[in-house]
C-alpha atoms as a PDB file:
ATOM      1  CA  MET A   1     -16.733 -42.443 -17.852  1.00  0.00           C
ATOM      2  CA  LYS A   2     -14.050 -40.147 -16.393  1.00  0.00           C
ATOM      3  CA  ASN A   3     -13.908 -39.234 -12.736  1.00  0.00           C
ATOM      4  CA  ILE A   4     -13.426 -35.595 -11.927  1.00  0.00           C
ATOM      5  CA  LEU A   5     -11.781 -34.550  -8.691  1.00  0.00           C
ATOM      6  CA  ILE A   6     -12.744 -31.147  -7.370  1.00  0.00           C
ATOM      7  CA  LEU A   7     -10.649 -29.666  -4.596  1.00  0.00           C
ATOM      8  CA  ILE A   8     -11.955 -26.889  -2.431  1.00  0.00           C
ATOM      9  CA  PHE A   9      -9.448 -24.999  -0.310  1.00  0.00           C
ATOM     10  CA  LEU A  10     -10.797 -23.242   2.753  1.00  0.00           C
ATOM     11  CA  PRO A  11      -8.795 -21.185   5.219  1.00  0.00           C
ATOM     12  CA  LEU A  12      -8.106 -23.059   8.459  1.00  0.00           C
ATOM     13  CA  GLU A  13      -9.719 -20.235  10.422  1.00  0.00           C
ATOM     14  CA  ILE A  14     -13.122 -21.476   9.264  1.00  0.00           C
ATOM     15  CA  PHE A  15     -12.655 -24.571  11.410  1.00  0.00           C
ATOM     16  CA  ALA A  16     -11.138 -22.812  14.429  1.00  0.00           C
ATOM     17  CA  GLN A  17     -13.367 -22.338  17.425  1.00  0.00           C
ATOM     18  CA  GLN A  18     -13.650 -18.705  18.486  1.00  0.00           C
ATOM     19  CA  PRO A  19     -13.947 -17.474  22.083  1.00  0.00           C
ATOM     20  CA  ALA A  20     -17.540 -17.134  23.294  1.00  0.00           C
ATOM     21  CA  GLU A  21     -17.494 -13.320  23.108  1.00  0.00           C
ATOM     22  CA  TYR A  22     -15.944 -13.292  19.612  1.00  0.00           C
ATOM     23  CA  ASN A  23     -17.493 -10.667  17.382  1.00  0.00           C
ATOM     24  CA  ALA A  24     -15.789 -10.084  14.030  1.00  0.00           C
ATOM     25  CA  SER A  25     -16.867  -6.442  13.943  1.00  0.00           C
ATOM     26  CA  THR A  26     -15.154  -5.620  17.260  1.00  0.00           C
ATOM     27  CA  MET A  27     -12.007  -7.748  16.958  1.00  0.00           C
ATOM     28  CA  PRO A  28      -8.926  -6.015  15.530  1.00  0.00           C
ATOM     29  CA  ALA A  29      -7.710  -6.972  12.085  1.00  0.00           C
ATOM     30  CA  ARG A  30      -4.892  -9.499  12.315  1.00  0.00           C
ATOM     31  CA  THR A  31      -1.912  -9.493  10.014  1.00  0.00           C
ATOM     32  CA  ALA A  32       0.585 -12.184   9.134  1.00  0.00           C
ATOM     33  CA  THR A  33       3.471  -9.972  10.207  1.00  0.00           C
ATOM     34  CA  VAL A  34       6.244 -11.824  12.024  1.00  0.00           C
ATOM     35  CA  PHE A  35       9.049 -10.202  14.029  1.00  0.00           C
ATOM     36  CA  ASN A  36      12.192 -12.217  14.752  1.00  0.00           C
ATOM     37  CA  VAL A  37      14.169 -11.007  17.792  1.00  0.00           C
ATOM     38  CA  MET A  38      17.412 -11.717  15.921  1.00  0.00           C
ATOM     39  CA  ASP A  39      16.409  -9.209  13.227  1.00  0.00           C
ATOM     40  CA  TYR A  40      16.353  -6.606  16.018  1.00  0.00           C
ATOM     41  CA  GLY A  41      19.858  -7.403  17.271  1.00  0.00           C
ATOM     42  CA  ALA A  42      19.431 -10.363  19.634  1.00  0.00           C
ATOM     43  CA  LYS A  43      22.382 -12.743  19.393  1.00  0.00           C
ATOM     44  CA  GLY A  44      21.656 -15.470  21.932  1.00  0.00           C
ATOM     45  CA  ILE A  45      25.343 -15.857  22.774  1.00  0.00           C
ATOM     46  CA  GLY A  46      24.953 -15.796  26.540  1.00  0.00           C
ATOM     47  CA  ALA A  47      26.262 -13.246  29.009  1.00  0.00           C
ATOM     48  CA  ARG A  48      28.600 -11.730  26.380  1.00  0.00           C
ATOM     49  CA  HIS A  49      25.649  -9.812  24.858  1.00  0.00           C
ATOM     50  CA  ASP A  50      22.578  -8.065  26.327  1.00  0.00           C
ATOM     51  CA  ASP A  51      19.519  -9.058  24.243  1.00  0.00           C
ATOM     52  CA  THR A  52      17.010  -6.970  26.241  1.00  0.00           C
ATOM     53  CA  ASP A  53      16.668  -4.061  23.777  1.00  0.00           C
ATOM     54  CA  ALA A  54      16.248  -6.421  20.806  1.00  0.00           C
ATOM     55  CA  PHE A  55      13.460  -8.333  22.561  1.00  0.00           C
ATOM     56  CA  GLN A  56      11.714  -5.099  23.567  1.00  0.00           C
ATOM     57  CA  ALA A  57      11.945  -3.655  20.038  1.00  0.00           C
ATOM     58  CA  ALA A  58      10.574  -6.807  18.380  1.00  0.00           C
ATOM     59  CA  ILE A  59       7.699  -6.992  20.865  1.00  0.00           C
ATOM     60  CA  LYS A  60       6.862  -3.301  20.453  1.00  0.00           C
ATOM     61  CA  ALA A  61       6.784  -3.660  16.646  1.00  0.00           C
ATOM     62  CA  ALA A  62       4.552  -6.745  16.867  1.00  0.00           C
ATOM     63  CA  ILE A  63       2.147  -5.042  19.285  1.00  0.00           C
ATOM     64  CA  GLU A  64       1.598  -2.195  16.808  1.00  0.00           C
ATOM     65  CA  VAL A  65       0.297  -4.565  14.093  1.00  0.00           C
ATOM     66  CA  HIS A  66      -1.085  -7.449  16.186  1.00  0.00           C
ATOM     67  CA  GLY A  67       1.754  -9.640  14.961  1.00  0.00           C
ATOM     68  CA  LYS A  68       3.861 -12.533  16.144  1.00  0.00           C
ATOM     69  CA  VAL A  69       7.279 -12.509  17.801  1.00  0.00           C
ATOM     70  CA  ILE A  70       9.600 -15.377  16.918  1.00  0.00           C
ATOM     71  CA  ILE A  71      12.384 -16.343  19.325  1.00  0.00           C
ATOM     72  CA  PRO A  72      14.643 -18.772  17.419  1.00  0.00           C
ATOM     73  CA  SER A  73      16.782 -21.355  19.165  1.00  0.00           C
ATOM     74  CA  PRO A  74      19.878 -19.432  20.335  1.00  0.00           C
ATOM     75  CA  PRO A  75      23.485 -20.661  20.104  1.00  0.00           C
ATOM     76  CA  THR A  76      23.652 -20.610  23.953  1.00  0.00           C
ATOM     77  CA  PHE A  77      20.929 -18.446  25.571  1.00  0.00           C
ATOM     78  CA  TYR A  78      19.400 -14.991  25.266  1.00  0.00           C
ATOM     79  CA  ASN A  79      20.545 -12.687  28.056  1.00  0.00           C
ATOM     80  CA  LEU A  80      17.855 -10.361  29.447  1.00  0.00           C
ATOM     81  CA  THR A  81      19.033  -7.779  31.970  1.00  0.00           C
ATOM     82  CA  ASN A  82      15.787  -5.887  32.493  1.00  0.00           C
ATOM     83  CA  THR A  83      12.017  -6.288  32.311  1.00  0.00           C
ATOM     84  CA  ILE A  84      10.409  -6.802  28.893  1.00  0.00           C
ATOM     85  CA  GLU A  85       7.129  -4.865  28.722  1.00  0.00           C
ATOM     86  CA  ILE A  86       4.191  -6.225  26.761  1.00  0.00           C
ATOM     87  CA  ILE A  87       1.953  -3.202  27.108  1.00  0.00           C
ATOM     88  CA  PRO A  88      -0.249  -1.594  24.418  1.00  0.00           C
ATOM     89  CA  ALA A  89      -0.582   2.089  23.676  1.00  0.00           C
ATOM     90  CA  LYS A  90      -2.758   4.019  26.140  1.00  0.00           C
ATOM     91  CA  GLY A  91      -6.416   3.133  25.723  1.00  0.00           C
ATOM     92  CA  ALA A  92      -5.715   0.120  23.499  1.00  0.00           C
ATOM     93  CA  GLN A  93      -5.506  -3.631  23.897  1.00  0.00           C
ATOM     94  CA  CYS A  94      -2.612  -5.835  22.938  1.00  0.00           C
ATOM     95  CA  TYR A  95      -3.037  -8.780  20.571  1.00  0.00           C
ATOM     96  CA  LEU A  96       0.286 -10.586  20.238  1.00  0.00           C
ATOM     97  CA  ASN A  97       1.585 -14.124  19.838  1.00  0.00           C
ATOM     98  CA  ILE A  98       5.049 -15.220  20.939  1.00  0.00           C
ATOM     99  CA  GLU A  99       6.594 -18.417  19.600  1.00  0.00           C
ATOM    100  CA  ALA A 100       9.949 -19.697  20.847  1.00  0.00           C
ATOM    101  CA  TRP A 101      11.861 -22.526  19.210  1.00  0.00           C
ATOM    102  CA  GLY A 102      14.381 -25.050  20.449  1.00  0.00           C
ATOM    103  CA  HIS A 103      16.166 -25.642  23.738  1.00  0.00           C
ATOM    104  CA  THR A 104      14.575 -27.769  26.393  1.00  0.00           C
ATOM    105  CA  VAL A 105      15.445 -25.642  29.419  1.00  0.00           C
ATOM    106  CA  THR A 106      17.703 -22.585  29.029  1.00  0.00           C
ATOM    107  CA  GLN A 107      16.534 -20.404  26.176  1.00  0.00           C
ATOM    108  CA  ILE A 108      16.295 -17.081  27.996  1.00  0.00           C
ATOM    109  CA  ARG A 109      18.335 -16.250  31.081  1.00  0.00           C
ATOM    110  CA  TYR A 110      17.276 -13.287  33.216  1.00  0.00           C
ATOM    111  CA  THR A 111      20.347 -11.705  34.807  1.00  0.00           C
ATOM    112  CA  GLY A 112      18.764  -8.410  35.836  1.00  0.00           C
ATOM    113  CA  PRO A 113      18.040  -6.977  39.266  1.00  0.00           C
ATOM    114  CA  GLY A 114      15.592  -8.441  41.769  1.00  0.00           C
ATOM    115  CA  ASP A 115      12.190  -7.089  42.759  1.00  0.00           C
ATOM    116  CA  ARG A 116      10.847  -6.949  39.208  1.00  0.00           C
ATOM    117  CA  PRO A 117       9.320  -9.245  36.586  1.00  0.00           C
ATOM    118  CA  VAL A 118      11.021 -10.727  33.561  1.00  0.00           C
ATOM    119  CA  PHE A 119       7.899 -10.044  31.438  1.00  0.00           C
ATOM    120  CA  LYS A 120       5.374  -7.383  32.475  1.00  0.00           C
ATOM    121  CA  VAL A 121       2.074  -7.931  30.654  1.00  0.00           C
ATOM    122  CA  ILE A 122      -0.872  -5.519  30.677  1.00  0.00           C
ATOM    123  CA  GLY A 123      -3.919  -5.557  28.410  1.00  0.00           C
ATOM    124  CA  LEU A 124      -3.013  -8.715  26.489  1.00  0.00           C
ATOM    125  CA  LYS A 125      -5.964 -10.379  24.756  1.00  0.00           C
ATOM    126  CA  SER A 126      -6.557 -13.523  22.698  1.00  0.00           C
ATOM    127  CA  SER A 127      -2.879 -14.405  22.544  1.00  0.00           C
ATOM    128  CA  ILE A 128      -0.699 -17.510  22.602  1.00  0.00           C
ATOM    129  CA  ILE A 129       2.716 -17.702  24.227  1.00  0.00           C
ATOM    130  CA  SER A 130       4.412 -20.892  23.127  1.00  0.00           C
ATOM    131  CA  GLY A 131       7.703 -22.565  24.015  1.00  0.00           C
ATOM    132  CA  VAL A 132       9.199 -19.731  26.087  1.00  0.00           C
ATOM    133  CA  LYS A 133      11.757 -21.123  28.542  1.00  0.00           C
ATOM    134  CA  VAL A 134      13.153 -18.741  31.157  1.00  0.00           C
ATOM    135  CA  VAL A 135      15.855 -19.333  33.755  1.00  0.00           C
ATOM    136  CA  ILE A 136      16.451 -16.796  36.502  1.00  0.00           C
ATOM    137  CA  ALA A 137      20.196 -16.478  37.108  1.00  0.00           C
ATOM    138  CA  ALA A 138      21.646 -17.200  40.533  1.00  0.00           C
ATOM    139  CA  GLY A 139      21.205 -14.401  43.036  1.00  0.00           C
ATOM    140  CA  PRO A 140      18.188 -12.163  42.296  1.00  0.00           C
ATOM    141  CA  SER A 141      15.143 -12.468  44.576  1.00  0.00           C
ATOM    142  CA  ASN A 142      11.484 -11.469  44.296  1.00  0.00           C
ATOM    143  CA  ILE A 143      11.379 -12.119  40.554  1.00  0.00           C
ATOM    144  CA  GLN A 144       8.161 -12.919  38.709  1.00  0.00           C
ATOM    145  CA  VAL A 145       8.670 -14.525  35.312  1.00  0.00           C
ATOM    146  CA  TRP A 146       5.248 -13.412  34.037  1.00  0.00           C
ATOM    147  CA  ASP A 147       3.605 -10.432  35.790  1.00  0.00           C
ATOM    148  CA  ILE A 148       0.178 -10.433  34.130  1.00  0.00           C
ATOM    149  CA  ASP A 149      -2.106  -7.581  35.088  1.00  0.00           C
ATOM    150  CA  THR A 150      -4.644  -5.074  33.861  1.00  0.00           C
ATOM    151  CA  ASN A 151      -5.408  -1.423  34.463  1.00  0.00           C
ATOM    152  CA  SER A 152      -8.144   1.097  33.704  1.00  0.00           C
ATOM    153  CA  GLU A 153      -6.422   2.240  30.498  1.00  0.00           C
ATOM    154  CA  CYS A 154      -6.210  -1.241  28.926  1.00  0.00           C
ATOM    155  CA  GLU A 155      -9.587  -2.635  30.034  1.00  0.00           C
ATOM    156  CA  SER A 156      -8.590  -6.259  30.655  1.00  0.00           C
ATOM    157  CA  THR A 157      -6.207  -9.117  30.093  1.00  0.00           C
ATOM    158  CA  SER A 158      -7.914 -12.294  28.937  1.00  0.00           C
ATOM    159  CA  HIS A 159      -7.770 -15.377  26.707  1.00  0.00           C
ATOM    160  CA  VAL A 160      -4.005 -15.767  27.047  1.00  0.00           C
ATOM    161  CA  THR A 161      -2.764 -19.309  26.490  1.00  0.00           C
ATOM    162  CA  PHE A 162       0.652 -20.607  27.546  1.00  0.00           C
ATOM    163  CA  LYS A 163       1.890 -23.720  25.707  1.00  0.00           C
ATOM    164  CA  SER A 164       5.037 -25.662  26.640  1.00  0.00           C
ATOM    165  CA  CYS A 165       6.544 -22.802  28.649  1.00  0.00           C
ATOM    166  CA  ILE A 166       9.090 -23.404  31.425  1.00  0.00           C
ATOM    167  CA  ALA A 167      10.313 -21.195  34.267  1.00  0.00           C
ATOM    168  CA  ASN A 168      13.388 -22.171  36.289  1.00  0.00           C
ATOM    169  CA  LEU A 169      13.253 -19.919  39.357  1.00  0.00           C
ATOM    170  CA  GLY A 170      16.933 -19.926  40.284  1.00  0.00           C
ATOM    171  CA  ASP A 171      18.114 -19.799  43.884  1.00  0.00           C
ATOM    172  CA  GLY A 172      16.666 -16.432  44.926  1.00  0.00           C
ATOM    173  CA  VAL A 173      13.996 -15.961  47.581  1.00  0.00           C
ATOM    174  CA  ASN A 174      10.322 -15.526  46.627  1.00  0.00           C
ATOM    175  CA  ASN A 175      10.817 -16.061  42.877  1.00  0.00           C
ATOM    176  CA  VAL A 176       7.578 -17.061  41.144  1.00  0.00           C
END
């Protein structure tokens, strides 16, 4: 008698636990679209190059399709000189994952002015931010690495998970 092996392949999502208020009819369709900051011009070569616009462009593109932003391990560090906004279109919500690779401490260095956040987040829902490591350069004060908020146009910010993220607050005053 011959044995027959039958394999059944099921998507991993079947086994994933959904948030309590999950309703497939009201959740936005997700795509497998991935946006690499280097494809948008980020170089990760330190202070010799400003990577702010590349980060903002990759994040904006990913927000439009509920995608994922990839931040590969840079040769030295990515240099951000201004706030990166993670904000959906008016009246919408933002579903976005960010995954950073490599480096144990200095992956992103914020060298911009004080009194502003590195990342300003409004209306982010059901998202994972993984491996993002930010260092605030010497000097600026009153810097928030993640300014997470909501407003009447974006309803709420909820179910955001941070995994293995690091913030080095530099030597400024009141950095958080």
